[in-house]
Structure formats: C-alpha cells, structure tokens
PDB file of all heavy atoms in Angstrom:
ATOM      1  N   ASP A   1       0.840  -1.166  -0.049  1.00  0.00           N
ATOM      2  CA  ASP A   1      -0.008  -0.035   0.002  1.00  0.00           C
ATOM      3  C   ASP A   1       0.948   1.221   0.005  1.00  0.00           C
ATOM      4  O   ASP A   1       1.524   1.568   1.029  1.00  0.00           O
ATOM      5  CB  ASP A   1      -0.905  -0.031   1.219  1.00  0.00           C
ATOM      6  CG  ASP A   1      -1.704   1.261   1.433  1.00  0.00           C
ATOM      7  OD1 ASP A   1      -1.823   2.001   0.490  1.00  0.00           O
ATOM      8  OD2 ASP A   1      -2.115   1.458   2.580  1.00  0.00           O
ATOM      9  N   ILE A   2       1.055   1.860  -1.102  1.00  0.00           N
ATOM     10  CA  ILE A   2       1.951   3.017  -1.280  1.00  0.00           C
ATOM     11  C   ILE A   2       1.655   4.120  -0.301  1.00  0.00           C
ATOM     12  O   ILE A   2       2.669   4.625   0.304  1.00  0.00           O
ATOM     13  CB  ILE A   2       2.023   3.530  -2.704  1.00  0.00           C
ATOM     14  CG1 ILE A   2       2.396   2.410  -3.745  1.00  0.00           C
ATOM     15  CG2 ILE A   2       2.889   4.736  -2.899  1.00  0.00           C
ATOM     16  CD1 ILE A   2       3.823   1.870  -3.440  1.00  0.00           C
ATOM     17  N   LEU A   3       0.483   4.489  -0.156  1.00  0.00           N
ATOM     18  CA  LEU A   3       0.156   5.593   0.806  1.00  0.00           C
ATOM     19  C   LEU A   3       0.442   5.209   2.267  1.00  0.00           C
ATOM     20  O   LEU A   3       0.992   6.020   2.984  1.00  0.00           O
ATOM     21  CB  LEU A   3      -1.336   6.021   0.644  1.00  0.00           C
ATOM     22  CG  LEU A   3      -1.672   6.802  -0.612  1.00  0.00           C
ATOM     23  CD1 LEU A   3      -3.127   7.109  -0.632  1.00  0.00           C
ATOM     24  CD2 LEU A   3      -0.837   8.082  -0.706  1.00  0.00           C
ATOM     25  N   GLY A   4       0.162   3.950   2.622  1.00  0.00           N
ATOM     26  CA  GLY A   4       0.442   3.418   3.921  1.00  0.00           C
ATOM     27  C   GLY A   4       1.996   3.488   4.169  1.00  0.00           C
ATOM     28  O   GLY A   4       2.449   3.834   5.237  1.00  0.00           O
ATOM     29  N   CYS A   5       2.685   3.046   3.182  1.00  0.00           N
ATOM     30  CA  CYS A   5       4.158   3.012   3.241  1.00  0.00           C
ATOM     31  C   CYS A   5       4.759   4.393   3.406  1.00  0.00           C
ATOM     32  O   CYS A   5       5.559   4.638   4.227  1.00  0.00           O
ATOM     33  CB  CYS A   5       4.745   2.268   2.044  1.00  0.00           C
ATOM     34  SG  CYS A   5       6.498   2.017   2.087  1.00  0.00           S
ATOM     35  N   LEU A   6       4.259   5.261   2.526  1.00  0.00           N
ATOM     36  CA  LEU A   6       4.752   6.707   2.681  1.00  0.00           C
ATOM     37  C   LEU A   6       4.373   7.321   3.983  1.00  0.00           C
ATOM     38  O   LEU A   6       5.180   8.072   4.527  1.00  0.00           O
ATOM     39  CB  LEU A   6       4.175   7.497   1.491  1.00  0.00           C
ATOM     40  CG  LEU A   6       4.710   7.197   0.067  1.00  0.00           C
ATOM     41  CD1 LEU A   6       3.971   8.003  -1.022  1.00  0.00           C
ATOM     42  CD2 LEU A   6       6.190   7.433  -0.024  1.00  0.00           C
ATOM     43  N   GLY A   7       3.223   6.975   4.493  1.00  0.00           N
ATOM     44  CA  GLY A   7       2.825   7.529   5.743  1.00  0.00           C
ATOM     45  C   GLY A   7       3.789   6.992   6.933  1.00  0.00           C
ATOM     46  O   GLY A   7       4.174   7.722   7.795  1.00  0.00           O
ATOM     47  N   PHE A   8       4.150   5.683   6.830  1.00  0.00           N
ATOM     48  CA  PHE A   8       5.064   5.150   7.814  1.00  0.00           C
ATOM     49  C   PHE A   8       6.414   5.861   7.746  1.00  0.00           C
ATOM     50  O   PHE A   8       7.042   6.147   8.723  1.00  0.00           O
ATOM     51  CB  PHE A   8       5.201   3.650   7.581  1.00  0.00           C
ATOM     52  CG  PHE A   8       5.554   2.843   8.834  1.00  0.00           C
ATOM     53  CD1 PHE A   8       4.499   2.190   9.530  1.00  0.00           C
ATOM     54  CD2 PHE A   8       6.769   2.744   9.317  1.00  0.00           C
ATOM     55  CE1 PHE A   8       4.794   1.460  10.696  1.00  0.00           C
ATOM     56  CE2 PHE A   8       7.116   2.121  10.489  1.00  0.00           C
ATOM     57  CZ  PHE A   8       6.116   1.429  11.064  1.00  0.00           C
ATOM     58  N   ILE A   9       6.947   6.000   6.490  1.00  0.00           N
ATOM     59  CA  ILE A   9       8.199   6.696   6.346  1.00  0.00           C
ATOM     60  C   ILE A   9       8.046   8.117   6.821  1.00  0.00           C
ATOM     61  O   ILE A   9       9.023   8.556   7.538  1.00  0.00           O
ATOM     62  CB  ILE A   9       8.645   6.672   4.829  1.00  0.00           C
ATOM     63  CG1 ILE A   9       8.983   5.226   4.384  1.00  0.00           C
ATOM     64  CG2 ILE A   9       9.740   7.621   4.531  1.00  0.00           C
ATOM     65  CD1 ILE A   9       9.109   5.021   2.954  1.00  0.00           C
ATOM     66  N   LEU A  10       7.050   8.804   6.602  1.00  0.00           N
ATOM     67  CA  LEU A  10       6.818  10.195   7.091  1.00  0.00           C
ATOM     68  C   LEU A  10       6.880  10.224   8.679  1.00  0.00           C
ATOM     69  O   LEU A  10       7.505  11.104   9.183  1.00  0.00           O
ATOM     70  CB  LEU A  10       5.511  10.763   6.532  1.00  0.00           C
ATOM     71  CG  LEU A  10       5.246  12.200   6.986  1.00  0.00           C
ATOM     72  CD1 LEU A  10       6.296  13.180   6.510  1.00  0.00           C
ATOM     73  CD2 LEU A  10       3.902  12.607   6.500  1.00  0.00           C
ATOM     74  N   ILE A  11       6.273   9.276   9.236  1.00  0.00           N
ATOM     75  CA  ILE A  11       6.297   9.222  10.733  1.00  0.00           C
ATOM     76  C   ILE A  11       7.742   9.044  11.243  1.00  0.00           C
ATOM     77  O   ILE A  11       8.166   9.744  12.200  1.00  0.00           O
ATOM     78  CB  ILE A  11       5.364   8.060  11.240  1.00  0.00           C
ATOM     79  CG1 ILE A  11       3.886   8.447  10.985  1.00  0.00           C
ATOM     80  CG2 ILE A  11       5.631   7.778  12.676  1.00  0.00           C
ATOM     81  CD1 ILE A  11       2.952   7.256  11.245  1.00  0.00           C
ATOM     82  N   ILE A  12       8.478   8.188  10.612  1.00  0.00           N
ATOM     83  CA  ILE A  12       9.879   7.933  11.018  1.00  0.00           C
ATOM     84  C   ILE A  12      10.661   9.217  10.796  1.00  0.00           C
ATOM     85  O   ILE A  12      11.443   9.646  11.657  1.00  0.00           O
ATOM     86  CB  ILE A  12      10.503   6.764  10.240  1.00  0.00           C
ATOM     87  CG1 ILE A  12       9.757   5.489  10.508  1.00  0.00           C
ATOM     88  CG2 ILE A  12      11.985   6.651  10.589  1.00  0.00           C
ATOM     89  CD1 ILE A  12       9.639   5.026  11.981  1.00  0.00           C
ATOM     90  N   GLU A  13      10.514   9.879   9.624  1.00  0.00           N
ATOM     91  CA  GLU A  13      11.189  11.171   9.370  1.00  0.00           C
ATOM     92  C   GLU A  13      10.814  12.269  10.410  1.00  0.00           C
ATOM     93  O   GLU A  13      11.714  12.960  10.912  1.00  0.00           O
ATOM     94  CB  GLU A  13      10.885  11.669   7.947  1.00  0.00           C
ATOM     95  CG  GLU A  13      11.412  10.841   6.803  1.00  0.00           C
ATOM     96  CD  GLU A  13      12.886  10.962   6.519  1.00  0.00           C
ATOM     97  OE1 GLU A  13      13.528  11.806   7.140  1.00  0.00           O
ATOM     98  OE2 GLU A  13      13.422  10.268   5.748  1.00  0.00           O
ATOM     99  N   LEU A  14       9.577  12.297  10.714  1.00  0.00           N
ATOM    100  CA  LEU A  14       9.159  13.280  11.764  1.00  0.00           C
ATOM    101  C   LEU A  14       9.716  13.014  13.125  1.00  0.00           C
ATOM    102  O   LEU A  14      10.080  13.868  13.903  1.00  0.00           O
ATOM    103  CB  LEU A  14       7.596  13.359  11.836  1.00  0.00           C
ATOM    104  CG  LEU A  14       6.888  13.981  10.555  1.00  0.00           C
ATOM    105  CD1 LEU A  14       5.381  13.797  10.696  1.00  0.00           C
ATOM    106  CD2 LEU A  14       7.287  15.435  10.480  1.00  0.00           C
ATOM    107  N   LEU A  15       9.781  11.744  13.479  1.00  0.00           N
ATOM    108  CA  LEU A  15      10.471  11.387  14.784  1.00  0.00           C
ATOM    109  C   LEU A  15      11.919  11.768  14.766  1.00  0.00           C
ATOM    110  O   LEU A  15      12.403  12.282  15.795  1.00  0.00           O
ATOM    111  CB  LEU A  15      10.286   9.891  15.022  1.00  0.00           C
ATOM    112  CG  LEU A  15       8.951   9.352  15.495  1.00  0.00           C
ATOM    113  CD1 LEU A  15       8.952   7.819  15.530  1.00  0.00           C
ATOM    114  CD2 LEU A  15       8.629   9.919  16.843  1.00  0.00           C
ATOM    115  N   GLY A  16      12.597  11.537  13.670  1.00  0.00           N
ATOM    116  CA  GLY A  16      13.999  11.941  13.572  1.00  0.00           C
ATOM    117  C   GLY A  16      14.181  13.510  13.695  1.00  0.00           C
ATOM    118  O   GLY A  16      15.018  13.992  14.377  1.00  0.00           O
ATOM    119  N   GLY A  17      13.253  14.210  12.982  1.00  0.00           N
ATOM    120  CA  GLY A  17      13.257  15.646  13.072  1.00  0.00           C
ATOM    121  C   GLY A  17      12.959  16.191  14.503  1.00  0.00           C
ATOM    122  O   GLY A  17      13.622  17.121  14.919  1.00  0.00           O
ATOM    123  N   LEU A  18      11.959  15.548  15.094  1.00  0.00           N
ATOM    124  CA  LEU A  18      11.698  15.939  16.465  1.00  0.00           C
ATOM    125  C   LEU A  18      12.805  15.693  17.435  1.00  0.00           C
ATOM    126  O   LEU A  18      13.151  16.552  18.321  1.00  0.00           O
ATOM    127  CB  LEU A  18      10.401  15.161  16.931  1.00  0.00           C
ATOM    128  CG  LEU A  18       9.860  15.460  18.315  1.00  0.00           C
ATOM    129  CD1 LEU A  18       9.471  16.943  18.474  1.00  0.00           C
ATOM    130  CD2 LEU A  18       8.692  14.568  18.683  1.00  0.00           C
ATOM    131  N   SER A  19      13.469  14.599  17.291  1.00  0.00           N
ATOM    132  CA  SER A  19      14.665  14.311  18.085  1.00  0.00           C
ATOM    133  C   SER A  19      15.771  15.332  17.904  1.00  0.00           C
ATOM    134  O   SER A  19      16.392  15.834  18.841  1.00  0.00           O
ATOM    135  CB  SER A  19      15.263  12.889  17.797  1.00  0.00           C
ATOM    136  OG  SER A  19      16.391  12.609  18.508  1.00  0.00           O
ATOM    137  N   ALA A  20      16.041  15.716  16.616  1.00  0.00           N
ATOM    138  CA  ALA A  20      16.989  16.722  16.344  1.00  0.00           C
ATOM    139  C   ALA A  20      16.604  18.064  16.950  1.00  0.00           C
ATOM    140  O   ALA A  20      17.402  18.731  17.567  1.00  0.00           O
ATOM    141  CB  ALA A  20      17.214  16.813  14.848  1.00  0.00           C
ATOM    142  N   TRP A  21      15.309  18.426  16.809  1.00  0.00           N
ATOM    143  CA  TRP A  21      14.838  19.643  17.358  1.00  0.00           C
ATOM    144  C   TRP A  21      14.977  19.709  18.894  1.00  0.00           C
ATOM    145  O   TRP A  21      15.432  20.769  19.463  1.00  0.00           O
ATOM    146  CB  TRP A  21      13.394  19.853  16.941  1.00  0.00           C
ATOM    147  CG  TRP A  21      12.739  21.103  17.552  1.00  0.00           C
ATOM    148  CD1 TRP A  21      12.941  22.415  17.131  1.00  0.00           C
ATOM    149  CD2 TRP A  21      11.946  21.112  18.690  1.00  0.00           C
ATOM    150  NE1 TRP A  21      12.180  23.223  17.963  1.00  0.00           N
ATOM    151  CE2 TRP A  21      11.599  22.439  18.943  1.00  0.00           C
ATOM    152  CE3 TRP A  21      11.471  20.119  19.537  1.00  0.00           C
ATOM    153  CZ2 TRP A  21      10.833  22.825  20.076  1.00  0.00           C
ATOM    154  CZ3 TRP A  21      10.598  20.507  20.595  1.00  0.00           C
ATOM    155  CH2 TRP A  21      10.334  21.807  20.809  1.00  0.00           C
ATOM    156  N   ALA A  22      14.642  18.581  19.516  1.00  0.00           N
ATOM    157  CA  ALA A  22      14.700  18.549  20.978  1.00  0.00           C
ATOM    158  C   ALA A  22      16.138  18.546  21.500  1.00  0.00           C
ATOM    159  O   ALA A  22      16.358  18.678  22.687  1.00  0.00           O
ATOM    160  CB  ALA A  22      14.002  17.294  21.484  1.00  0.00           C
ATOM    161  N   SER A  23      17.088  18.315  20.649  1.00  0.00           N
ATOM    162  CA  SER A  23      18.468  18.226  21.026  1.00  0.00           C
ATOM    163  C   SER A  23      19.202  19.531  21.146  1.00  0.00           C
ATOM    164  O   SER A  23      20.319  19.623  21.480  1.00  0.00           O
ATOM    165  CB  SER A  23      19.269  17.275  20.101  1.00  0.00           C
ATOM    166  OG  SER A  23      18.691  15.967  20.117  1.00  0.00           O
ATOM    167  N   GLY A  24      18.506  20.600  20.656  1.00  0.00           N
ATOM    168  CA  GLY A  24      19.164  21.942  20.694  1.00  0.00           C
ATOM    169  C   GLY A  24      19.946  22.200  19.414  1.00  0.00           C
ATOM    170  O   GLY A  24      19.723  21.543  18.363  1.00  0.00           O
ATOM    171  N   ASN A  25      20.976  22.999  19.438  1.00  0.00           N
ATOM    172  CA  ASN A  25      21.760  23.389  18.329  1.00  0.00           C
ATOM    173  C   ASN A  25      22.832  22.326  18.092  1.00  0.00           C
ATOM    174  O   ASN A  25      23.911  22.407  18.601  1.00  0.00           O
ATOM    175  CB  ASN A  25      22.382  24.762  18.514  1.00  0.00           C
ATOM    176  CG  ASN A  25      22.969  25.330  17.229  1.00  0.00           C
ATOM    177  OD1 ASN A  25      23.357  24.605  16.352  1.00  0.00           O
ATOM    178  ND2 ASN A  25      23.034  26.623  17.202  1.00  0.00           N
ATOM    179  N   LEU A  26      22.486  21.376  17.257  1.00  0.00           N
ATOM    180  CA  LEU A  26      23.356  20.257  16.967  1.00  0.00           C
ATOM    181  C   LEU A  26      24.693  20.709  16.354  1.00  0.00           C
ATOM    182  O   LEU A  26      25.749  20.176  16.716  1.00  0.00           O
ATOM    183  CB  LEU A  26      22.638  19.233  16.065  1.00  0.00           C
ATOM    184  CG  LEU A  26      21.373  18.611  16.564  1.00  0.00           C
ATOM    185  CD1 LEU A  26      20.811  17.731  15.438  1.00  0.00           C
ATOM    186  CD2 LEU A  26      21.642  17.847  17.807  1.00  0.00           C
ATOM    187  N   LYS A  27      24.579  21.612  15.370  1.00  0.00           N
ATOM    188  CA  LYS A  27      25.864  22.007  14.681  1.00  0.00           C
ATOM    189  C   LYS A  27      26.851  22.702  15.595  1.00  0.00           C
ATOM    190  O   LYS A  27      28.026  22.424  15.592  1.00  0.00           O
ATOM    191  CB  LYS A  27      25.479  22.893  13.497  1.00  0.00           C
ATOM    192  CG  LYS A  27      24.823  22.167  12.361  1.00  0.00           C
ATOM    193  CD  LYS A  27      24.513  23.137  11.235  1.00  0.00           C
ATOM    194  CE  LYS A  27      23.777  22.360  10.181  1.00  0.00           C
ATOM    195  NZ  LYS A  27      23.406  23.148   8.992  1.00  0.00           N
ATOM    196  N   THR A  28      26.309  23.611  16.490  1.00  0.00           N
ATOM    197  CA  THR A  28      27.203  24.273  17.401  1.00  0.00           C
ATOM    198  C   THR A  28      27.853  23.260  18.365  1.00  0.00           C
ATOM    199  O   THR A  28      29.036  23.307  18.648  1.00  0.00           O
ATOM    200  CB  THR A  28      26.425  25.343  18.153  1.00  0.00           C
ATOM    201  OG1 THR A  28      25.916  26.276  17.190  1.00  0.00           O
ATOM    202  CG2 THR A  28      27.310  26.096  19.114  1.00  0.00           C
TER     203      THR A  28
END
C-alpha cells in the first residue's frame, strides 16, 4: 500500500526531526 508505506516513512522522518529539534543546536 503505497500511501500506507509513505505514511510510515513520514512518521519515522518526523520522529527523527523531532529528536534533532529537541536536542538543541546540533551544529554548534
């Protein structure tokens, strides 16, 4: 199910982004 698969990938990407955001200024 392409939409289901894309949705699952999007959730994982969002979790990764949320983790990065919660970590503060990673580059610095």
